[in-house]
Amino acid sequence: MTDPFPVTVFHNPACGTSRNVLEMVRAAGHEPEVVEYLKTGWDAVRLRALLDEAGLTPREAMRTKGALAGELGLLEPGASDEAILAAMVEHPILVERPIVRTPKGTALCRPKETVFSLLEAKAEA
């Protein structure tokens, strides 16, 4: 049976915000597809499509916490979206998380309460 309201969480289990959002989705009555993108990685086409759905540029979706983005020169004003996207594919940790996709849209759920705008309340049985 296909879920009539599918929810996908692009998740990093080491991230507290990502864990909280996953629990918020489940508390709302949904069992999401969980994509641990640090394990699965990204391909450029899929990541670009996901960012487009969320209305984000690669720079807006880049995780700047930690040293990697700076070490790669991605924090410089001249770093292109293409360079940032390529770095995100090579180093999935550079993608900020969690990103949630539902039939209502796709968003980077920071702050975590952003997820509520993407969910549908389930009726109690």
PDB file of N, CA and C in Angstrom:
ATOM      1  N   MET A   1       0.848  -1.182   0.000  1.00  0.00           N
ATOM      2  CA  MET A   1       0.000   0.000   0.000  1.00  0.00           C
ATOM      3  C   MET A   1       0.891   1.243   0.000  1.00  0.00           C
ATOM      4  N   THR A   2       0.565   2.189  -0.833  1.00  0.00           N
ATOM      5  CA  THR A   2       1.329   3.419  -0.925  1.00  0.00           C
ATOM      6  C   THR A   2       0.760   4.442   0.042  1.00  0.00           C
ATOM      7  N   ASP A   3       1.637   5.117   0.757  1.00  0.00           N
ATOM      8  CA  ASP A   3       1.212   6.150   1.698  1.00  0.00           C
ATOM      9  C   ASP A   3       0.610   7.301   0.901  1.00  0.00           C
ATOM     10  N   PRO A   4      -0.634   7.705   1.195  1.00  0.00           N
ATOM     11  CA  PRO A   4      -1.255   8.802   0.456  1.00  0.00           C
ATOM     12  C   PRO A   4      -0.614  10.155   0.771  1.00  0.00           C
ATOM     13  N   PHE A   5       0.174  10.227   1.823  1.00  0.00           N
ATOM     14  CA  PHE A   5       0.877  11.465   2.185  1.00  0.00           C
ATOM     15  C   PHE A   5       2.322  11.092   2.538  1.00  0.00           C
ATOM     16  N   PRO A   6       3.123  10.797   1.494  1.00  0.00           N
ATOM     17  CA  PRO A   6       4.496  10.366   1.768  1.00  0.00           C
ATOM     18  C   PRO A   6       5.359  11.504   2.308  1.00  0.00           C
ATOM     19  N   VAL A   7       6.203  11.157   3.268  1.00  0.00           N
ATOM     20  CA  VAL A   7       7.127  12.103   3.872  1.00  0.00           C
ATOM     21  C   VAL A   7       8.528  11.510   3.753  1.00  0.00           C
ATOM     22  N   THR A   8       9.450  12.318   3.249  1.00  0.00           N
ATOM     23  CA  THR A   8      10.845  11.902   3.165  1.00  0.00           C
ATOM     24  C   THR A   8      11.672  12.878   3.985  1.00  0.00           C
ATOM     25  N   VAL A   9      12.514  12.328   4.852  1.00  0.00           N
ATOM     26  CA  VAL A   9      13.409  13.141   5.664  1.00  0.00           C
ATOM     27  C   VAL A   9      14.837  12.796   5.251  1.00  0.00           C
ATOM     28  N   PHE A  10      15.561  13.791   4.747  1.00  0.00           N
ATOM     29  CA  PHE A  10      16.972  13.644   4.430  1.00  0.00           C
ATOM     30  C   PHE A  10      17.702  13.958   5.729  1.00  0.00           C
ATOM     31  N   HIS A  11      18.227  12.914   6.342  1.00  0.00           N
ATOM     32  CA  HIS A  11      18.540  12.882   7.772  1.00  0.00           C
ATOM     33  C   HIS A  11      20.004  12.582   8.044  1.00  0.00           C
ATOM     34  N   ASN A  12      20.511  13.230   9.090  1.00  0.00           N
ATOM     35  CA  ASN A  12      21.820  12.901   9.653  1.00  0.00           C
ATOM     36  C   ASN A  12      21.569  12.539  11.109  1.00  0.00           C
ATOM     37  N   PRO A  13      21.696  11.263  11.476  1.00  0.00           N
ATOM     38  CA  PRO A  13      21.385  10.844  12.840  1.00  0.00           C
ATOM     39  C   PRO A  13      22.284  11.479  13.898  1.00  0.00           C
ATOM     40  N   ALA A  14      23.422  12.041  13.523  1.00  0.00           N
ATOM     41  CA  ALA A  14      24.298  12.696  14.488  1.00  0.00           C
ATOM     42  C   ALA A  14      23.857  14.125  14.797  1.00  0.00           C
ATOM     43  N   CYS A  15      22.856  14.622  14.083  1.00  0.00           N
ATOM     44  CA  CYS A  15      22.397  16.003  14.234  1.00  0.00           C
ATOM     45  C   CYS A  15      21.148  16.049  15.115  1.00  0.00           C
ATOM     46  N   GLY A  16      21.212  16.827  16.198  1.00  0.00           N
ATOM     47  CA  GLY A  16      20.074  16.937  17.104  1.00  0.00           C
ATOM     48  C   GLY A  16      18.838  17.511  16.434  1.00  0.00           C
ATOM     49  N   THR A  17      18.994  18.521  15.608  1.00  0.00           N
ATOM     50  CA  THR A  17      17.835  19.101  14.918  1.00  0.00           C
ATOM     51  C   THR A  17      17.205  18.071  13.995  1.00  0.00           C
ATOM     52  N   SER A  18      18.033  17.323  13.294  1.00  0.00           N
ATOM     53  CA  SER A  18      17.527  16.295  12.390  1.00  0.00           C
ATOM     54  C   SER A  18      16.767  15.216  13.170  1.00  0.00           C
ATOM     55  N   ARG A  19      17.309  14.788  14.296  1.00  0.00           N
ATOM     56  CA  ARG A  19      16.612  13.786  15.127  1.00  0.00           C
ATOM     57  C   ARG A  19      15.287  14.339  15.637  1.00  0.00           C
ATOM     58  N   ASN A  20      15.284  15.598  16.065  1.00  0.00           N
ATOM     59  CA  ASN A  20      14.053  16.214  16.569  1.00  0.00           C
ATOM     60  C   ASN A  20      12.990  16.298  15.482  1.00  0.00           C
ATOM     61  N   VAL A  21      13.375  16.694  14.290  1.00  0.00           N
ATOM     62  CA  VAL A  21      12.416  16.793  13.188  1.00  0.00           C
ATOM     63  C   VAL A  21      11.848  15.410  12.864  1.00  0.00           C
ATOM     64  N   LEU A  22      12.687  14.404  12.847  1.00  0.00           N
ATOM     65  CA  LEU A  22      12.212  13.045  12.586  1.00  0.00           C
ATOM     66  C   LEU A  22      11.170  12.632  13.620  1.00  0.00           C
ATOM     67  N   GLU A  23      11.413  12.930  14.879  1.00  0.00           N
ATOM     68  CA  GLU A  23      10.444  12.616  15.929  1.00  0.00           C
ATOM     69  C   GLU A  23       9.156  13.435  15.780  1.00  0.00           C
ATOM     70  N   MET A  24       9.269  14.679  15.360  1.00  0.00           N
ATOM     71  CA  MET A  24       8.089  15.521  15.149  1.00  0.00           C
ATOM     72  C   MET A  24       7.222  14.958  14.026  1.00  0.00           C
ATOM     73  N   VAL A  25       7.853  14.469  12.980  1.00  0.00           N
ATOM     74  CA  VAL A  25       7.121  13.855  11.862  1.00  0.00           C
ATOM     75  C   VAL A  25       6.380  12.620  12.366  1.00  0.00           C
ATOM     76  N   ARG A  26       7.059  11.800  13.122  1.00  0.00           N
ATOM     77  CA  ARG A  26       6.429  10.578  13.650  1.00  0.00           C
ATOM     78  C   ARG A  26       5.316  10.911  14.644  1.00  0.00           C
ATOM     79  N   ALA A  27       5.523  11.923  15.472  1.00  0.00           N
ATOM     80  CA  ALA A  27       4.494  12.328  16.434  1.00  0.00           C
ATOM     81  C   ALA A  27       3.247  12.851  15.728  1.00  0.00           C
ATOM     82  N   ALA A  28       3.415  13.356  14.521  1.00  0.00           N
ATOM     83  CA  ALA A  28       2.270  13.828  13.736  1.00  0.00           C
ATOM     84  C   ALA A  28       1.552  12.674  13.032  1.00  0.00           C
ATOM     85  N   GLY A  29       2.042  11.460  13.225  1.00  0.00           N
ATOM     86  CA  GLY A  29       1.356  10.287  12.697  1.00  0.00           C
ATOM     87  C   GLY A  29       1.881   9.768  11.376  1.00  0.00           C
ATOM     88  N   HIS A  30       3.043  10.205  10.965  1.00  0.00           N
ATOM     89  CA  HIS A  30       3.627   9.763   9.695  1.00  0.00           C
ATOM     90  C   HIS A  30       4.842   8.894   9.951  1.00  0.00           C
ATOM     91  N   GLU A  31       5.015   7.866   9.137  1.00  0.00           N
ATOM     92  CA  GLU A  31       6.246   7.087   9.183  1.00  0.00           C
ATOM     93  C   GLU A  31       7.014   7.435   7.911  1.00  0.00           C
ATOM     94  N   PRO A  32       8.025   8.288   8.047  1.00  0.00           N
ATOM     95  CA  PRO A  32       8.709   8.792   6.865  1.00  0.00           C
ATOM     96  C   PRO A  32       9.695   7.802   6.258  1.00  0.00           C
ATOM     97  N   GLU A  33       9.990   8.040   5.005  1.00  0.00           N
ATOM     98  CA  GLU A  33      11.162   7.422   4.390  1.00  0.00           C
ATOM     99  C   GLU A  33      12.342   8.235   4.923  1.00  0.00           C
ATOM    100  N   VAL A  34      13.316   7.569   5.475  1.00  0.00           N
ATOM    101  CA  VAL A  34      14.483   8.250   6.031  1.00  0.00           C
ATOM    102  C   VAL A  34      15.670   7.979   5.111  1.00  0.00           C
ATOM    103  N   VAL A  35      16.241   9.056   4.590  1.00  0.00           N
ATOM    104  CA  VAL A  35      17.408   8.944   3.724  1.00  0.00           C
ATOM    105  C   VAL A  35      18.611   9.471   4.501  1.00  0.00           C
ATOM    106  N   GLU A  36      19.480   8.564   4.893  1.00  0.00           N
ATOM    107  CA  GLU A  36      20.707   8.952   5.582  1.00  0.00           C
ATOM    108  C   GLU A  36      21.735   9.306   4.509  1.00  0.00           C
ATOM    109  N   TYR A  37      21.706  10.559   4.099  1.00  0.00           N
ATOM    110  CA  TYR A  37      22.475  10.985   2.933  1.00  0.00           C
ATOM    111  C   TYR A  37      23.990  10.938   3.148  1.00  0.00           C
ATOM    112  N   LEU A  38      24.443  10.869   4.391  1.00  0.00           N
ATOM    113  CA  LEU A  38      25.885  10.697   4.590  1.00  0.00           C
ATOM    114  C   LEU A  38      26.312   9.293   4.169  1.00  0.00           C
ATOM    115  N   LYS A  39      25.393   8.335   4.228  1.00  0.00           N
ATOM    116  CA  LYS A  39      25.665   6.963   3.782  1.00  0.00           C
ATOM    117  C   LYS A  39      25.401   6.805   2.293  1.00  0.00           C
ATOM    118  N   THR A  40      24.257   7.354   1.828  1.00  0.00           N
ATOM    119  CA  THR A  40      23.868   7.156   0.428  1.00  0.00           C
ATOM    120  C   THR A  40      24.559   8.113  -0.519  1.00  0.00           C
ATOM    121  N   GLY A  41      24.975   9.270   0.000  1.00  0.00           N
ATOM    122  CA  GLY A  41      25.580  10.284  -0.850  1.00  0.00           C
ATOM    123  C   GLY A  41      24.519  10.986  -1.691  1.00  0.00           C
ATOM    124  N   TRP A  42      24.991  11.887  -2.505  1.00  0.00           N
ATOM    125  CA  TRP A  42      24.126  12.648  -3.414  1.00  0.00           C
ATOM    126  C   TRP A  42      24.653  12.488  -4.824  1.00  0.00           C
ATOM    127  N   ASP A  43      23.768  12.626  -5.787  1.00  0.00           N
ATOM    128  CA  ASP A  43      24.249  12.886  -7.131  1.00  0.00           C
ATOM    129  C   ASP A  43      23.783  14.300  -7.462  1.00  0.00           C
ATOM    130  N   ALA A  44      24.493  14.967  -8.337  1.00  0.00           N
ATOM    131  CA  ALA A  44      24.254  16.388  -8.599  1.00  0.00           C
ATOM    132  C   ALA A  44      22.840  16.652  -9.092  1.00  0.00           C
ATOM    133  N   VAL A  45      22.303  15.790  -9.925  1.00  0.00           N
ATOM    134  CA  VAL A  45      20.963  16.008 -10.482  1.00  0.00           C
ATOM    135  C   VAL A  45      19.918  15.936  -9.377  1.00  0.00           C
ATOM    136  N   ARG A  46      20.003  14.928  -8.538  1.00  0.00           N
ATOM    137  CA  ARG A  46      19.021  14.772  -7.451  1.00  0.00           C
ATOM    138  C   ARG A  46      19.131  15.907  -6.440  1.00  0.00           C
ATOM    139  N   LEU A  47      20.343  16.273  -6.077  1.00  0.00           N
ATOM    140  CA  LEU A  47      20.516  17.346  -5.104  1.00  0.00           C
ATOM    141  C   LEU A  47      20.028  18.674  -5.671  1.00  0.00           C
ATOM    142  N   ARG A  48      20.367  18.970  -6.912  1.00  0.00           N
ATOM    143  CA  ARG A  48      19.903  20.214  -7.544  1.00  0.00           C
ATOM    144  C   ARG A  48      18.373  20.242  -7.572  1.00  0.00           C
ATOM    145  N   ALA A  49      17.733  19.133  -7.924  1.00  0.00           N
ATOM    146  CA  ALA A  49      16.270  19.077  -7.969  1.00  0.00           C
ATOM    147  C   ALA A  49      15.677  19.304  -6.579  1.00  0.00           C
ATOM    148  N   LEU A  50      16.264  18.706  -5.569  1.00  0.00           N
ATOM    149  CA  LEU A  50      15.783  18.864  -4.203  1.00  0.00           C
ATOM    150  C   LEU A  50      15.907  20.321  -3.751  1.00  0.00           C
ATOM    151  N   LEU A  51      17.033  20.936  -4.028  1.00  0.00           N
ATOM    152  CA  LEU A  51      17.224  22.336  -3.664  1.00  0.00           C
ATOM    153  C   LEU A  51      16.257  23.235  -4.422  1.00  0.00           C
ATOM    154  N   ASP A  52      16.041  22.939  -5.703  1.00  0.00           N
ATOM    155  CA  ASP A  52      15.077  23.714  -6.489  1.00  0.00           C
ATOM    156  C   ASP A  52      13.675  23.607  -5.888  1.00  0.00           C
ATOM    157  N   GLU A  53      13.278  22.390  -5.487  1.00  0.00           N
ATOM    158  CA  GLU A  53      11.968  22.191  -4.858  1.00  0.00           C
ATOM    159  C   GLU A  53      11.829  23.049  -3.598  1.00  0.00           C
ATOM    160  N   ALA A  54      12.923  23.165  -2.856  1.00  0.00           N
ATOM    161  CA  ALA A  54      12.910  23.916  -1.601  1.00  0.00           C
ATOM    162  C   ALA A  54      13.123  25.418  -1.820  1.00  0.00           C
ATOM    163  N   GLY A  55      13.400  25.806  -3.050  1.00  0.00           N
ATOM    164  CA  GLY A  55      13.642  27.221  -3.337  1.00  0.00           C
ATOM    165  C   GLY A  55      14.956  27.719  -2.752  1.00  0.00           C
ATOM    166  N   LEU A  56      15.942  26.819  -2.684  1.00  0.00           N
ATOM    167  CA  LEU A  56      17.234  27.151  -2.096  1.00  0.00           C
ATOM    168  C   LEU A  56      18.345  27.125  -3.141  1.00  0.00           C
ATOM    169  N   THR A  57      19.293  28.020  -2.993  1.00  0.00           N
ATOM    170  CA  THR A  57      20.510  27.933  -3.783  1.00  0.00           C
ATOM    171  C   THR A  57      21.463  26.995  -3.043  1.00  0.00           C
ATOM    172  N   PRO A  58      22.451  26.477  -3.732  1.00  0.00           N
ATOM    173  CA  PRO A  58      23.437  25.667  -3.018  1.00  0.00           C
ATOM    174  C   PRO A  58      24.071  26.425  -1.851  1.00  0.00           C
ATOM    175  N   ARG A  59      24.352  27.708  -2.028  1.00  0.00           N
ATOM    176  CA  ARG A  59      24.953  28.485  -0.934  1.00  0.00           C
ATOM    177  C   ARG A  59      24.017  28.546   0.272  1.00  0.00           C
ATOM    178  N   GLU A  60      22.715  28.709   0.039  1.00  0.00           N
ATOM    179  CA  GLU A  60      21.748  28.772   1.143  1.00  0.00           C
ATOM    180  C   GLU A  60      21.614  27.437   1.870  1.00  0.00           C
ATOM    181  N   ALA A  61      21.857  26.343   1.164  1.00  0.00           N
ATOM    182  CA  ALA A  61      21.716  25.006   1.749  1.00  0.00           C
ATOM    183  C   ALA A  61      23.036  24.447   2.267  1.00  0.00           C
ATOM    184  N   MET A  62      24.091  25.224   2.169  1.00  0.00           N
ATOM    185  CA  MET A  62      25.410  24.748   2.589  1.00  0.00           C
ATOM    186  C   MET A  62      25.579  24.851   4.098  1.00  0.00           C
ATOM    187  N   ARG A  63      26.079  23.798   4.663  1.00  0.00           N
ATOM    188  CA  ARG A  63      26.403  23.786   6.092  1.00  0.00           C
ATOM    189  C   ARG A  63      27.739  24.499   6.259  1.00  0.00           C
ATOM    190  N   THR A  64      27.717  25.597   6.984  1.00  0.00           N
ATOM    191  CA  THR A  64      28.930  26.384   7.167  1.00  0.00           C
ATOM    192  C   THR A  64      29.588  26.116   8.519  1.00  0.00           C
ATOM    193  N   LYS A  65      28.875  25.422   9.399  1.00  0.00           N
ATOM    194  CA  LYS A  65      29.453  25.063  10.698  1.00  0.00           C
ATOM    195  C   LYS A  65      30.539  24.010  10.458  1.00  0.00           C
ATOM    196  N   GLY A  66      31.626  24.160  11.151  1.00  0.00           N
ATOM    197  CA  GLY A  66      32.757  23.275  10.905  1.00  0.00           C
ATOM    198  C   GLY A  66      33.698  23.944   9.915  1.00  0.00           C
ATOM    199  N   ALA A  67      34.834  23.341   9.723  1.00  0.00           N
ATOM    200  CA  ALA A  67      35.882  23.988   8.939  1.00  0.00           C
ATOM    201  C   ALA A  67      35.852  23.674   7.445  1.00  0.00           C
ATOM    202  N   LEU A  68      35.175  22.623   7.036  1.00  0.00           N
ATOM    203  CA  LEU A  68      35.305  22.130   5.671  1.00  0.00           C
ATOM    204  C   LEU A  68      34.933  23.165   4.607  1.00  0.00           C
ATOM    205  N   ALA A  69      33.803  23.841   4.769  1.00  0.00           N
ATOM    206  CA  ALA A  69      33.376  24.819   3.762  1.00  0.00           C
ATOM    207  C   ALA A  69      34.437  25.903   3.594  1.00  0.00           C
ATOM    208  N   GLY A  70      34.988  26.377   4.693  1.00  0.00           N
ATOM    209  CA  GLY A  70      36.035  27.390   4.620  1.00  0.00           C
ATOM    210  C   GLY A  70      37.309  26.858   3.994  1.00  0.00           C
ATOM    211  N   GLU A  71      37.695  25.649   4.373  1.00  0.00           N
ATOM    212  CA  GLU A  71      38.905  25.039   3.818  1.00  0.00           C
ATOM    213  C   GLU A  71      38.814  24.881   2.310  1.00  0.00           C
ATOM    214  N   LEU A  72      37.614  24.617   1.811  1.00  0.00           N
ATOM    215  CA  LEU A  72      37.408  24.434   0.379  1.00  0.00           C
ATOM    216  C   LEU A  72      37.186  25.752  -0.361  1.00  0.00           C
ATOM    217  N   GLY A  73      37.189  26.867   0.366  1.00  0.00           N
ATOM    218  CA  GLY A  73      37.003  28.172  -0.255  1.00  0.00           C
ATOM    219  C   GLY A  73      35.560  28.481  -0.616  1.00  0.00           C
ATOM    220  N   LEU A  74      34.626  27.711  -0.066  1.00  0.00           N
ATOM    221  CA  LEU A  74      33.219  27.865  -0.440  1.00  0.00           C
ATOM    222  C   LEU A  74      32.535  29.037   0.249  1.00  0.00           C
ATOM    223  N   LEU A  75      33.162  29.595   1.269  1.00  0.00           N
ATOM    224  CA  LEU A  75      32.574  30.733   1.965  1.00  0.00           C
ATOM    225  C   LEU A  75      32.939  32.055   1.291  1.00  0.00           C
ATOM    226  N   GLU A  76      33.852  31.993   0.335  1.00  0.00           N
ATOM    227  CA  GLU A  76      34.264  33.193  -0.388  1.00  0.00           C
ATOM    228  C   GLU A  76      33.123  33.668  -1.291  1.00  0.00           C
ATOM    229  N   PRO A  77      32.950  34.995  -1.415  1.00  0.00           N
ATOM    230  CA  PRO A  77      31.862  35.522  -2.249  1.00  0.00           C
ATOM    231  C   PRO A  77      31.909  35.035  -3.699  1.00  0.00           C
ATOM    232  N   GLY A  78      33.095  34.739  -4.208  1.00  0.00           N
ATOM    233  CA  GLY A  78      33.221  34.305  -5.599  1.00  0.00           C
ATOM    234  C   GLY A  78      32.954  32.834  -5.842  1.00  0.00           C
ATOM    235  N   ALA A  79      32.715  32.054  -4.793  1.00  0.00           N
ATOM    236  CA  ALA A  79      32.445  30.618  -4.980  1.00  0.00           C
ATOM    237  C   ALA A  79      31.107  30.463  -5.696  1.00  0.00           C
ATOM    238  N   SER A  80      31.128  29.789  -6.819  1.00  0.00           N
ATOM    239  CA  SER A  80      29.914  29.641  -7.631  1.00  0.00           C
ATOM    240  C   SER A  80      28.990  28.566  -7.066  1.00  0.00           C
ATOM    241  N   ASP A  81      27.711  28.656  -7.447  1.00  0.00           N
ATOM    242  CA  ASP A  81      26.758  27.618  -7.051  1.00  0.00           C
ATOM    243  C   ASP A  81      27.205  26.254  -7.577  1.00  0.00           C
ATOM    244  N   GLU A  82      27.771  26.233  -8.772  1.00  0.00           N
ATOM    245  CA  GLU A  82      28.224  24.962  -9.352  1.00  0.00           C
ATOM    246  C   GLU A  82      29.353  24.356  -8.515  1.00  0.00           C
ATOM    247  N   ALA A  83      30.288  25.212  -8.051  1.00  0.00           N
ATOM    248  CA  ALA A  83      31.382  24.720  -7.215  1.00  0.00           C
ATOM    249  C   ALA A  83      30.859  24.216  -5.874  1.00  0.00           C
ATOM    250  N   ILE A  84      29.906  24.936  -5.309  1.00  0.00           N
ATOM    251  CA  ILE A  84      29.330  24.520  -4.029  1.00  0.00           C
ATOM    252  C   ILE A  84      28.580  23.207  -4.195  1.00  0.00           C
ATOM    253  N   LEU A  85      27.776  23.089  -5.246  1.00  0.00           N
ATOM    254  CA  LEU A  85      27.030  21.856  -5.497  1.00  0.00           C
ATOM    255  C   LEU A  85      27.986  20.678  -5.690  1.00  0.00           C
ATOM    256  N   ALA A  86      29.046  20.878  -6.458  1.00  0.00           N
ATOM    257  CA  ALA A  86      30.027  19.806  -6.679  1.00  0.00           C
ATOM    258  C   ALA A  86      30.672  19.392  -5.357  1.00  0.00           C
ATOM    259  N   ALA A  87      30.972  20.353  -4.504  1.00  0.00           N
ATOM    260  CA  ALA A  87      31.561  20.033  -3.201  1.00  0.00           C
ATOM    261  C   ALA A  87      30.572  19.273  -2.332  1.00  0.00           C
ATOM    262  N   MET A  88      29.287  19.633  -2.409  1.00  0.00           N
ATOM    263  CA  MET A  88      28.268  18.927  -1.635  1.00  0.00           C
ATOM    264  C   MET A  88      28.151  17.470  -2.079  1.00  0.00           C
ATOM    265  N   VAL A  89      28.288  17.230  -3.376  1.00  0.00           N
ATOM    266  CA  VAL A  89      28.240  15.858  -3.887  1.00  0.00           C
ATOM    267  C   VAL A  89      29.460  15.079  -3.390  1.00  0.00           C
ATOM    268  N   GLU A  90      30.618  15.722  -3.412  1.00  0.00           N
ATOM    269  CA  GLU A  90      31.845  15.061  -2.968  1.00  0.00           C
ATOM    270  C   GLU A  90      31.888  14.898  -1.450  1.00  0.00           C
ATOM    271  N   HIS A  91      31.329  15.880  -0.736  1.00  0.00           N
ATOM    272  CA  HIS A  91      31.348  15.888   0.733  1.00  0.00           C
ATOM    273  C   HIS A  91      29.913  16.106   1.241  1.00  0.00           C
ATOM    274  N   PRO A  92      29.100  15.054   1.335  1.00  0.00           N
ATOM    275  CA  PRO A  92      27.693  15.214   1.719  1.00  0.00           C
ATOM    276  C   PRO A  92      27.468  15.958   3.034  1.00  0.00           C
ATOM    277  N   ILE A  93      28.452  15.977   3.910  1.00  0.00           N
ATOM    278  CA  ILE A  93      28.315  16.683   5.191  1.00  0.00           C
ATOM    279  C   ILE A  93      28.106  18.179   4.972  1.00  0.00           C
ATOM    280  N   LEU A  94      28.418  18.685   3.794  1.00  0.00           N
ATOM    281  CA  LEU A  94      28.255  20.112   3.498  1.00  0.00           C
ATOM    282  C   LEU A  94      26.807  20.520   3.270  1.00  0.00           C
ATOM    283  N   VAL A  95      25.898  19.542   3.173  1.00  0.00           N
ATOM    284  CA  VAL A  95      24.480  19.864   2.996  1.00  0.00           C
ATOM    285  C   VAL A  95      23.858  20.039   4.376  1.00  0.00           C
ATOM    286  N   GLU A  96      23.262  21.203   4.603  1.00  0.00           N
ATOM    287  CA  GLU A  96      22.583  21.471   5.876  1.00  0.00           C
ATOM    288  C   GLU A  96      21.397  20.529   6.002  1.00  0.00           C
ATOM    289  N   ARG A  97      21.035  20.218   7.210  1.00  0.00           N
ATOM    290  CA  ARG A  97      19.952  19.258   7.442  1.00  0.00           C
ATOM    291  C   ARG A  97      19.071  19.719   8.575  1.00  0.00           C
ATOM    292  N   PRO A  98      17.923  19.094   8.655  1.00  0.00           N
ATOM    293  CA  PRO A  98      17.308  18.118   7.755  1.00  0.00           C
ATOM    294  C   PRO A  98      16.503  18.813   6.654  1.00  0.00           C
ATOM    295  N   ILE A  99      16.429  18.158   5.534  1.00  0.00           N
ATOM    296  CA  ILE A  99      15.545  18.592   4.460  1.00  0.00           C
ATOM    297  C   ILE A  99      14.385  17.607   4.455  1.00  0.00           C
ATOM    298  N   VAL A 100      13.173  18.143   4.399  1.00  0.00           N
ATOM    299  CA  VAL A 100      11.969  17.298   4.432  1.00  0.00           C
ATOM    300  C   VAL A 100      11.156  17.577   3.172  1.00  0.00           C
ATOM    301  N   ARG A 101      10.673  16.489   2.559  1.00  0.00           N
ATOM    302  CA  ARG A 101       9.819  16.582   1.364  1.00  0.00           C
ATOM    303  C   ARG A 101       8.488  15.897   1.661  1.00  0.00           C
ATOM    304  N   THR A 102       7.398  16.591   1.365  1.00  0.00           N
ATOM    305  CA  THR A 102       6.045  16.033   1.480  1.00  0.00           C
ATOM    306  C   THR A 102       5.237  16.544   0.293  1.00  0.00           C
ATOM    307  N   PRO A 103       3.994  16.073   0.137  1.00  0.00           N
ATOM    308  CA  PRO A 103       3.156  16.628  -0.923  1.00  0.00           C
ATOM    309  C   PRO A 103       2.892  18.133  -0.776  1.00  0.00           C
ATOM    310  N   LYS A 104       3.116  18.681   0.416  1.00  0.00           N
ATOM    311  CA  LYS A 104       2.926  20.123   0.634  1.00  0.00           C
ATOM    312  C   LYS A 104       4.151  20.939   0.253  1.00  0.00           C
ATOM    313  N   GLY A 105       5.277  20.282  -0.017  1.00  0.00           N
ATOM    314  CA  GLY A 105       6.477  21.002  -0.402  1.00  0.00           C
ATOM    315  C   GLY A 105       7.737  20.389   0.169  1.00  0.00           C
ATOM    316  N   THR A 106       8.827  21.104  -0.050  1.00  0.00           N
ATOM    317  CA  THR A 106      10.146  20.674   0.412  1.00  0.00           C
ATOM    318  C   THR A 106      10.788  21.861   1.115  1.00  0.00           C
ATOM    319  N   ALA A 107      11.432  21.597   2.259  1.00  0.00           N
ATOM    320  CA  ALA A 107      12.057  22.695   2.993  1.00  0.00           C
ATOM    321  C   ALA A 107      13.228  22.196   3.824  1.00  0.00           C
ATOM    322  N   LEU A 108      14.166  23.098   4.021  1.00  0.00           N
ATOM    323  CA  LEU A 108      15.212  22.901   5.009  1.00  0.00           C
ATOM    324  C   LEU A 108      14.572  23.254   6.347  1.00  0.00           C
ATOM    325  N   CYS A 109      14.478  22.301   7.242  1.00  0.00           N
ATOM    326  CA  CYS A 109      13.726  22.494   8.486  1.00  0.00           C
ATOM    327  C   CYS A 109      14.609  22.999   9.614  1.00  0.00           C
ATOM    328  N   ARG A 110      15.060  24.201   9.430  1.00  0.00           N
ATOM    329  CA  ARG A 110      15.797  24.976  10.426  1.00  0.00           C
ATOM    330  C   ARG A 110      15.150  26.339  10.450  1.00  0.00           C
ATOM    331  N   PRO A 111      14.482  26.716  11.487  1.00  0.00           N
ATOM    332  CA  PRO A 111      14.315  25.979  12.734  1.00  0.00           C
ATOM    333  C   PRO A 111      13.423  24.750  12.534  1.00  0.00           C
ATOM    334  N   LYS A 112      13.494  23.845  13.475  1.00  0.00           N
ATOM    335  CA  LYS A 112      12.790  22.561  13.362  1.00  0.00           C
ATOM    336  C   LYS A 112      11.288  22.719  13.199  1.00  0.00           C
ATOM    337  N   GLU A 113      10.715  23.794  13.727  1.00  0.00           N
ATOM    338  CA  GLU A 113       9.261  24.007  13.637  1.00  0.00           C
ATOM    339  C   GLU A 113       8.788  24.219  12.206  1.00  0.00           C
ATOM    340  N   THR A 114       9.711  24.483  11.296  1.00  0.00           N
ATOM    341  CA  THR A 114       9.373  24.622   9.872  1.00  0.00           C
ATOM    342  C   THR A 114       8.664  23.379   9.365  1.00  0.00           C
ATOM    343  N   VAL A 115       8.970  22.230   9.952  1.00  0.00           N
ATOM    344  CA  VAL A 115       8.381  20.975   9.480  1.00  0.00           C
ATOM    345  C   VAL A 115       6.855  20.981   9.599  1.00  0.00           C
ATOM    346  N   PHE A 116       6.300  21.726  10.554  1.00  0.00           N
ATOM    347  CA  PHE A 116       4.843  21.718  10.730  1.00  0.00           C
ATOM    348  C   PHE A 116       4.116  22.203   9.486  1.00  0.00           C
ATOM    349  N   SER A 117       4.700  23.123   8.736  1.00  0.00           N
ATOM    350  CA  SER A 117       4.046  23.633   7.526  1.00  0.00           C
ATOM    351  C   SER A 117       4.022  22.599   6.406  1.00  0.00           C
ATOM    352  N   LEU A 118       4.785  21.533   6.556  1.00  0.00           N
ATOM    353  CA  LEU A 118       4.862  20.493   5.529  1.00  0.00           C
ATOM    354  C   LEU A 118       4.020  19.266   5.854  1.00  0.00           C
ATOM    355  N   LEU A 119       3.462  19.220   7.047  1.00  0.00           N
ATOM    356  CA  LEU A 119       2.766  18.007   7.494  1.00  0.00           C
ATOM    357  C   LEU A 119       1.265  18.145   7.416  1.00  0.00           C
ATOM    358  N   GLU A 120       0.618  17.002   7.368  1.00  0.00           N
ATOM    359  CA  GLU A 120      -0.831  16.894   7.398  1.00  0.00           C
ATOM    360  C   GLU A 120      -1.172  16.132   8.664  1.00  0.00           C
ATOM    361  N   ALA A 121      -2.053  16.682   9.463  1.00  0.00           N
ATOM    362  CA  ALA A 121      -2.447  16.002  10.696  1.00  0.00           C
ATOM    363  C   ALA A 121      -3.222  14.733  10.336  1.00  0.00           C
ATOM    364  N   LYS A 122      -2.910  13.663  11.003  1.00  0.00           N
ATOM    365  CA  LYS A 122      -3.627  12.404  10.790  1.00  0.00           C
ATOM    366  C   LYS A 122      -4.786  12.322  11.763  1.00  0.00           C
ATOM    367  N   ALA A 123      -5.906  11.841  11.281  1.00  0.00           N
ATOM    368  CA  ALA A 123      -7.082  11.673  12.134  1.00  0.00           C
ATOM    369  C   ALA A 123      -6.848  10.509  13.090  1.00  0.00           C
ATOM    370  N   GLU A 124      -7.320  10.667  14.306  1.00  0.00           N
ATOM    371  CA  GLU A 124      -7.222   9.599  15.288  1.00  0.00           C
ATOM    372  C   GLU A 124      -8.178   8.470  14.895  1.00  0.00           C
ATOM    373  N   ALA A 125      -7.711   7.253  15.042  1.00  0.00           N
ATOM    374  CA  ALA A 125      -8.538   6.092  14.674  1.00  0.00           C
ATOM    375  C   ALA A 125      -9.511   5.749  15.760  1.00  0.00           C
TER     376      ALA A 125
END
